[in-house]
């Protein structure tokens, strides 16, 4: 890759300057449209809220195709669940090189089907085909839909001054799982088998469907957001910006899985800036915190209050563990990508 190659989702200035000015015809039934940090759209249909989200999914190097299929459904479903609605329907487009073996095709489709069964999602359409321009099987798009009550919808724009800010699992969950696979040999040499196995196992946590539905059912939730590209720093900023509020966060209050810390230390990655699909950020009324934390912990999902929402939108800060005060912001470059491509190159060279 050239040093100036673009990797990952489009940058915020281009999104706001260009894409948001080209979103087709206005329609009064669109209750929530494309917005910075908002995970899904909401359309009013017959007095109900139709929540719809779409994502591309790429196979992760070193992981079996069954995991690729599981990621497909869980990552798509997560974007609906964080809106406070249970995912119910899905379509997907599976694009493959012409020489894809039948057994690989069948493995991908079967694993998507099994994940849909696990989540209670009906697959209602999509597209499957072979194309010469495709070099590896990819999901061109997984579209997931859910139907709920309009008044029950939660968006990242709902945070209010005085709310508590909570986090599940810890930072850099996705970065840890995927990079641990690429750097498994290095990690075993540096940290041993137990730590390495725990890091690789984080691949199974790259979902917030359960986190979001449990938190919403516990009550008091005002906003939820899946910390994807740009990590926790970017995700917190997106909630604050969408809600027009300030935030005061403390890194030392966050859940800290030791395997996350070890992997990020080994690769000199800031864990708060790295892609964190699987990490759910929540704002909720202060009095609801015990119920939310308790319900998540009962489901074996770590959760902690990491700060609070303020009415000063000019102050969105985090106190790092070394005492530095840092502004919340979307990182210019998610540190996952350079580490990912370096690890992929090393793996291919073996």
Protein backbone atom coordinates (compact mmCIF):
# COMPACT_ATOMS: atom_id res chain seq x y z
CA UNK A 1 0.00 0.00 0.00
CA UNK A 2 1.16 3.53 -0.77
CA UNK A 3 1.64 5.78 2.26
CA UNK A 4 -1.20 8.03 1.09
CA UNK A 5 -3.66 5.18 0.42
CA UNK A 6 -7.10 5.62 1.93
CA UNK A 7 -8.16 2.80 4.27
CA UNK A 8 -11.31 2.49 6.35
CA UNK A 9 -14.44 4.59 6.47
CA UNK A 10 -14.48 8.00 4.87
CA UNK A 11 -13.15 10.94 6.86
CA UNK A 12 -15.55 13.17 8.79
CA UNK A 13 -14.97 16.41 6.79
CA UNK A 14 -15.69 14.64 3.48
CA UNK A 15 -18.75 12.95 4.96
CA UNK A 16 -20.19 16.26 6.15
CA UNK A 17 -19.06 18.42 3.21
CA UNK A 18 -19.87 16.05 0.36
CA UNK A 19 -21.92 12.95 1.19
CA UNK A 20 -24.48 14.62 3.45
CA UNK A 21 -25.35 17.03 0.66
CA UNK A 22 -26.14 14.15 -1.71
CA UNK A 23 -28.74 11.96 -0.03
CA UNK A 24 -31.55 12.04 -2.56
CA UNK A 25 -35.07 13.38 -2.11
CA UNK A 26 -36.33 14.61 1.28
CA UNK A 27 -39.05 12.45 2.82
CA UNK A 28 -41.02 13.25 5.96
CA UNK A 29 -41.11 9.57 6.94
CA UNK A 30 -37.34 9.60 7.57
CA UNK A 31 -37.11 10.10 11.34
CA UNK A 32 -33.35 9.48 11.56
CA UNK A 33 -31.24 9.82 8.44
CA UNK A 34 -27.49 9.76 7.77
CA UNK A 35 -25.66 11.50 10.63
CA UNK A 36 -22.18 11.41 12.11
CA UNK A 37 -21.91 8.57 14.58
CA UNK A 38 -25.46 7.31 14.09
CA UNK A 39 -25.46 3.57 13.46
CA UNK A 40 -28.77 3.12 11.63
CA UNK A 41 -31.64 4.96 9.95
CA UNK A 42 -35.19 5.14 11.27
CA UNK A 43 -38.18 5.30 8.91
CA UNK A 44 -41.77 5.74 10.08
CA UNK A 45 -44.00 3.06 8.56
CA UNK A 46 -47.60 2.71 9.71
CA UNK A 47 -46.89 4.46 12.99
CA UNK A 48 -43.97 2.12 13.75
CA UNK A 49 -40.22 2.64 13.54
CA UNK A 50 -38.43 0.66 10.85
CA UNK A 51 -34.73 0.62 11.79
CA UNK A 52 -32.31 -0.23 8.99
CA UNK A 53 -28.52 -0.55 8.92
CA UNK A 54 -25.97 -1.69 6.34
CA UNK A 55 -22.30 -2.71 6.48
CA UNK A 56 -19.73 -4.34 4.21
CA UNK A 57 -17.92 -7.31 5.75
CA UNK A 58 -14.48 -8.58 4.81
CA UNK A 59 -12.88 -11.91 5.79
CA UNK A 60 -10.32 -11.60 8.57
CA UNK A 61 -6.88 -13.03 7.82
CA UNK A 62 -6.11 -16.21 9.73
CA UNK A 63 -9.69 -16.85 10.84
CA UNK A 64 -11.92 -19.63 9.48
CA UNK A 65 -14.74 -18.86 7.06
CA UNK A 66 -17.24 -19.82 9.78
CA UNK A 67 -16.08 -16.76 11.72
CA UNK A 68 -16.53 -14.59 8.61
CA UNK A 69 -20.17 -15.65 8.43
CA UNK A 70 -20.68 -15.05 12.16
CA UNK A 71 -19.15 -11.55 11.86
CA UNK A 72 -21.44 -10.80 8.94
CA UNK A 73 -24.64 -11.26 10.88
CA UNK A 74 -23.49 -9.97 14.27
CA UNK A 75 -21.88 -6.78 12.96
CA UNK A 76 -24.96 -5.94 10.92
CA UNK A 77 -27.31 -6.79 13.78
CA UNK A 78 -25.31 -4.72 16.26
CA UNK A 79 -26.11 -1.49 14.39
CA UNK A 80 -29.83 -2.12 14.78
CA UNK A 81 -29.64 -3.27 18.39
CA UNK A 82 -27.90 -0.06 19.52
CA UNK A 83 -31.00 1.84 18.39
CA UNK A 84 -32.93 -0.05 21.07
CA UNK A 85 -34.69 -2.42 18.66
CA UNK A 86 -34.29 -6.18 18.27
CA UNK A 87 -32.88 -7.13 14.83
CA UNK A 88 -35.47 -9.20 12.94
CA UNK A 89 -34.74 -9.33 9.20
CA UNK A 90 -31.67 -9.32 6.96
CA UNK A 91 -30.49 -9.36 3.37
CA UNK A 92 -26.91 -9.79 2.22
CA UNK A 93 -24.83 -9.78 -0.98
CA UNK A 94 -22.12 -12.43 -1.16
CA UNK A 95 -19.59 -11.69 -3.92
CA UNK A 96 -16.98 -14.33 -4.78
CA UNK A 97 -14.13 -14.91 -7.24
CA UNK A 98 -15.10 -17.28 -10.08
CA UNK A 99 -12.73 -19.98 -8.80
CA UNK A 100 -14.22 -20.12 -5.28
CA UNK A 101 -14.57 -23.79 -4.25
CA UNK A 102 -18.12 -24.95 -3.57
CA UNK A 103 -17.17 -25.99 -0.04
CA UNK A 104 -16.05 -22.42 0.79
CA UNK A 105 -19.27 -20.96 -0.61
CA UNK A 106 -21.33 -23.45 1.38
CA UNK A 107 -19.36 -22.79 4.59
CA UNK A 108 -19.94 -19.03 4.36
CA UNK A 109 -23.67 -19.36 3.67
CA UNK A 110 -24.15 -22.01 6.38
CA UNK A 111 -22.36 -19.90 9.00
CA UNK A 112 -24.45 -16.82 8.15
CA UNK A 113 -27.57 -18.98 8.45
CA UNK A 114 -26.49 -20.37 11.83
CA UNK A 115 -25.72 -16.88 13.18
CA UNK A 116 -29.14 -15.70 11.99
CA UNK A 117 -30.78 -18.61 13.81
CA UNK A 118 -28.83 -17.70 16.95
CA UNK A 119 -30.07 -14.10 16.78
CA UNK A 120 -33.62 -14.89 15.67
CA UNK A 121 -33.18 -13.08 12.35
CA UNK A 122 -35.00 -14.06 9.13
CA UNK A 123 -32.91 -13.77 5.96
CA UNK A 124 -35.37 -12.38 3.40
CA UNK A 125 -33.26 -11.70 0.32
CA UNK A 126 -29.97 -10.50 -1.10
CA UNK A 127 -27.64 -11.47 -3.93
CA UNK A 128 -25.04 -14.19 -4.45
CA UNK A 129 -22.65 -14.39 -7.39
CA UNK A 130 -19.20 -14.87 -8.88
CA UNK A 131 -17.31 -11.92 -10.41
CA UNK A 132 -13.81 -11.68 -11.95
CA UNK A 133 -13.03 -8.35 -10.25
CA UNK A 134 -13.51 -9.91 -6.80
CA UNK A 135 -10.28 -11.42 -5.42
CA UNK A 136 -11.63 -12.90 -2.18
CA UNK A 137 -15.16 -13.64 -0.93
CA UNK A 138 -16.71 -10.50 0.56
CA UNK A 139 -20.08 -9.35 1.77
CA UNK A 140 -20.79 -6.33 -0.40
CA UNK A 141 -23.45 -5.38 2.12
CA UNK A 142 -25.36 -6.90 5.02
CA UNK A 143 -28.62 -5.05 5.60
CA UNK A 144 -30.40 -5.68 8.90
CA UNK A 145 -33.83 -4.39 9.86
CA UNK A 146 -35.91 -4.23 13.00
CA UNK A 147 -39.36 -2.88 13.84
CA UNK A 148 -40.15 -1.08 17.08
CA UNK A 149 -42.10 1.74 18.67
CA UNK A 150 -41.09 5.25 17.61
CA UNK A 151 -40.96 6.48 21.19
CA UNK A 152 -38.63 3.64 22.17
CA UNK A 153 -35.88 4.44 19.64
CA UNK A 154 -32.47 5.30 21.10
CA UNK A 155 -29.89 7.23 19.08
CA UNK A 156 -26.41 8.62 19.84
CA UNK A 157 -28.06 12.05 19.87
CA UNK A 158 -29.96 11.36 23.09
CA UNK A 159 -27.30 11.99 25.76
CA UNK A 160 -28.34 14.59 28.36
CA UNK A 161 -26.37 16.65 30.88
CA UNK A 162 -26.14 14.70 34.13
CA UNK A 163 -26.23 11.31 32.42
CA UNK A 164 -23.69 8.68 33.33
CA UNK A 165 -21.39 7.30 30.62
CA UNK A 166 -20.85 3.52 30.65
CA UNK A 167 -18.70 1.11 28.68
CA UNK A 168 -18.95 -2.64 28.16
CA UNK A 169 -16.09 -5.16 27.81
CA UNK A 170 -13.22 -2.65 27.44
CA UNK A 171 -11.47 -0.81 24.60
CA UNK A 172 -10.00 -2.21 21.38
CA UNK A 173 -11.99 -5.45 21.46
CA UNK A 174 -12.02 -5.94 17.69
CA UNK A 175 -8.43 -4.75 17.26
CA UNK A 176 -7.27 -7.20 19.93
CA UNK A 177 -9.06 -10.22 18.48
CA UNK A 178 -8.07 -9.68 14.86
CA UNK A 179 -4.48 -8.59 15.51
CA UNK A 180 -3.86 -11.40 17.99
CA UNK A 181 -4.52 -13.86 15.17
CA UNK A 182 -2.01 -12.13 12.88
CA UNK A 183 0.64 -11.71 15.59
CA UNK A 184 -0.09 -14.94 17.45
CA UNK A 185 3.47 -16.27 17.35
CA UNK A 186 4.94 -12.98 18.59
CA UNK A 187 2.39 -12.73 21.35
CA UNK A 188 3.00 -16.29 22.54
CA UNK A 189 6.72 -15.59 22.77
CA UNK A 190 6.17 -12.33 24.69
CA UNK A 191 3.16 -13.10 26.88
CA UNK A 192 2.62 -16.85 26.91
CA UNK A 193 -0.20 -19.13 25.84
CA UNK A 194 -2.90 -18.12 28.33
CA UNK A 195 -2.73 -14.42 27.47
CA UNK A 196 -2.55 -15.13 23.75
CA UNK A 197 -5.51 -17.51 23.83
CA UNK A 198 -7.55 -14.87 25.69
CA UNK A 199 -6.64 -12.25 23.07
CA UNK A 200 -7.61 -14.50 20.15
CA UNK A 201 -10.86 -15.37 21.94
CA UNK A 202 -11.86 -11.70 21.80
CA UNK A 203 -12.89 -12.44 18.19
CA UNK A 204 -16.00 -13.99 19.76
CA UNK A 205 -16.87 -10.66 21.41
CA UNK A 206 -17.08 -8.57 18.22
CA UNK A 207 -20.79 -7.96 18.70
CA UNK A 208 -22.92 -5.69 20.90
CA UNK A 209 -26.32 -7.21 20.17
CA UNK A 210 -26.68 -8.75 23.62
CA UNK A 211 -25.05 -5.73 25.34
CA UNK A 212 -27.47 -3.28 23.75
CA UNK A 213 -30.67 -5.27 24.22
CA UNK A 214 -29.87 -6.01 27.88
CA UNK A 215 -28.98 -2.38 28.63
CA UNK A 216 -32.14 -1.08 26.94
CA UNK A 217 -34.35 -3.56 28.81
CA UNK A 218 -32.81 -2.49 32.14
CA UNK A 219 -34.18 1.03 31.59
CA UNK A 220 -32.86 4.58 31.71
CA UNK A 221 -30.72 4.42 28.55
CA UNK A 222 -30.56 7.69 26.61
CA UNK A 223 -27.92 6.87 23.95
CA UNK A 224 -25.93 3.87 22.71
CA UNK A 225 -23.12 3.62 20.19
CA UNK A 226 -20.86 0.81 18.99
CA UNK A 227 -17.24 1.98 19.17
CA UNK A 228 -16.06 0.91 15.72
CA UNK A 229 -13.35 2.66 13.66
CA UNK A 230 -11.72 5.42 15.68
CA UNK A 231 -12.29 3.40 18.82
CA UNK A 232 -13.50 4.67 22.17
CA UNK A 233 -12.11 8.18 21.66
CA UNK A 234 -14.01 8.57 18.41
CA UNK A 235 -17.16 6.89 19.68
CA UNK A 236 -17.44 9.09 22.75
CA UNK A 237 -16.85 12.21 20.67
CA UNK A 238 -19.55 11.12 18.21
CA UNK A 239 -22.13 10.74 20.98
CA UNK A 240 -21.18 14.12 22.47
CA UNK A 241 -21.24 15.85 19.08
CA UNK A 242 -24.56 14.29 18.03
CA UNK A 243 -26.13 15.27 21.37
CA UNK A 244 -24.59 18.76 21.59
CA UNK A 245 -23.19 18.06 25.07
CA UNK A 246 -19.88 17.89 26.90
CA UNK A 247 -18.24 14.84 28.47
CA UNK A 248 -15.76 14.17 31.23
CA UNK A 249 -14.26 10.70 31.03
CA UNK A 250 -11.62 8.84 33.07
CA UNK A 251 -9.61 6.10 31.38
CA UNK A 252 -8.79 4.54 34.74
CA UNK A 253 -12.46 3.68 35.33
CA UNK A 254 -12.75 1.57 32.17
CA UNK A 255 -12.87 -2.21 32.13
CA UNK A 256 -9.32 -3.32 31.25
CA UNK A 257 -8.94 -6.88 29.96
CA UNK A 258 -5.26 -7.78 30.46
CA UNK A 259 -5.05 -9.34 26.99
CA UNK A 260 -6.14 -6.05 25.40
CA UNK A 261 -3.47 -4.20 27.30
CA UNK A 262 -0.83 -6.78 26.36
CA UNK A 263 -1.63 -6.80 22.64
CA UNK A 264 -1.72 -3.01 22.41
CA UNK A 265 1.51 -2.72 24.39
CA UNK A 266 3.26 -5.19 22.10
CA UNK A 267 2.25 -3.28 18.96
CA UNK A 268 2.54 0.23 20.47
CA UNK A 269 -1.14 0.93 19.80
CA UNK A 270 -3.25 3.40 21.75
CA UNK A 271 -6.12 1.09 22.76
CA UNK A 272 -8.58 3.96 23.02
CA UNK A 273 -8.01 4.96 19.38
CA UNK A 274 -8.23 1.46 17.89
CA UNK A 275 -11.28 -0.11 16.27
CA UNK A 276 -13.52 -1.51 18.99
CA UNK A 277 -16.51 -3.29 17.50
CA UNK A 278 -17.87 -5.17 20.50
CA UNK A 279 -17.38 -2.25 22.89
CA UNK A 280 -20.73 -0.62 23.65
CA UNK A 281 -20.81 2.99 24.84
CA UNK A 282 -23.94 3.93 26.78
CA UNK A 283 -25.33 7.09 28.32
CA UNK A 284 -28.06 6.67 30.91
CA UNK A 285 -29.75 8.48 33.75
CA UNK A 286 -27.58 8.37 36.87
CA UNK A 287 -30.16 6.48 38.90
CA UNK A 288 -30.36 3.69 36.32
CA UNK A 289 -26.64 2.80 36.44
CA UNK A 290 -26.89 0.02 39.09
CA UNK A 291 -29.66 -1.75 37.17
CA UNK A 292 -27.82 -1.55 33.82
CA UNK A 293 -24.46 -2.62 35.22
CA UNK A 294 -26.07 -5.41 37.24
CA UNK A 295 -28.04 -6.77 34.28
CA UNK A 296 -24.96 -6.81 32.05
CA UNK A 297 -22.76 -8.40 34.69
CA UNK A 298 -25.40 -11.07 35.27
CA UNK A 299 -24.99 -11.91 31.57
CA UNK A 300 -21.18 -12.10 32.06
CA UNK A 301 -20.62 -8.82 30.20
CA UNK A 302 -18.23 -6.45 31.97
CA UNK A 303 -19.59 -2.92 32.37
CA UNK A 304 -18.49 0.17 34.29
CA UNK A 305 -19.32 3.83 34.56
CA UNK A 306 -16.43 5.77 32.99
CA UNK A 307 -17.60 9.37 33.32
CA UNK A 308 -20.54 11.69 32.92
CA UNK A 309 -22.25 14.05 30.48
CA UNK A 310 -22.07 17.82 31.04
CA UNK A 311 -23.85 20.83 29.59
CA UNK A 312 -20.60 22.45 28.36
CA UNK A 313 -20.24 21.29 24.76
CA UNK A 314 -16.87 23.05 24.53
CA UNK A 315 -15.37 20.59 27.02
CA UNK A 316 -15.14 16.97 25.90
CA UNK A 317 -12.16 15.51 27.69
CA UNK A 318 -10.65 12.32 29.02
CA UNK A 319 -8.14 11.92 31.82
CA UNK A 320 -5.67 9.28 30.69
CA UNK A 321 -4.19 6.81 33.13
CA UNK A 322 -0.91 8.73 33.17
CA UNK A 323 -2.74 11.90 34.27
CA UNK A 324 -2.78 13.64 30.89
CA UNK A 325 -5.96 15.47 29.95
CA UNK A 326 -6.83 14.82 26.32
CA UNK A 327 -9.63 16.10 24.12
CA UNK A 328 -12.08 13.53 22.81
CA UNK A 329 -11.81 13.37 19.02
CA UNK A 330 -12.02 11.00 16.08
CA UNK A 331 -8.41 9.89 15.42
CA UNK A 332 -7.02 10.92 12.04
CA UNK A 333 -5.80 7.34 11.56
CA UNK A 334 -7.10 4.31 13.38
CA UNK A 335 -3.89 2.56 14.55
CA UNK A 336 -5.44 -0.80 13.76
CA UNK A 337 -4.90 -0.45 10.02
CA UNK A 338 -1.10 0.04 9.89
CA UNK A 339 -0.68 -2.84 12.36
CA UNK A 340 -3.09 -5.01 10.39
CA UNK A 341 -1.34 -4.54 7.03
CA UNK A 342 2.11 -4.99 8.58
CA UNK A 343 0.95 -8.24 10.20
CA UNK A 344 -0.71 -9.41 7.00
CA UNK A 345 2.47 -8.76 5.00
CA UNK A 346 4.56 -10.67 7.55
CA UNK A 347 2.08 -13.57 7.51
CA UNK A 348 2.14 -13.77 3.71
CA UNK A 349 5.94 -13.73 3.74
CA UNK A 350 6.18 -16.83 5.93
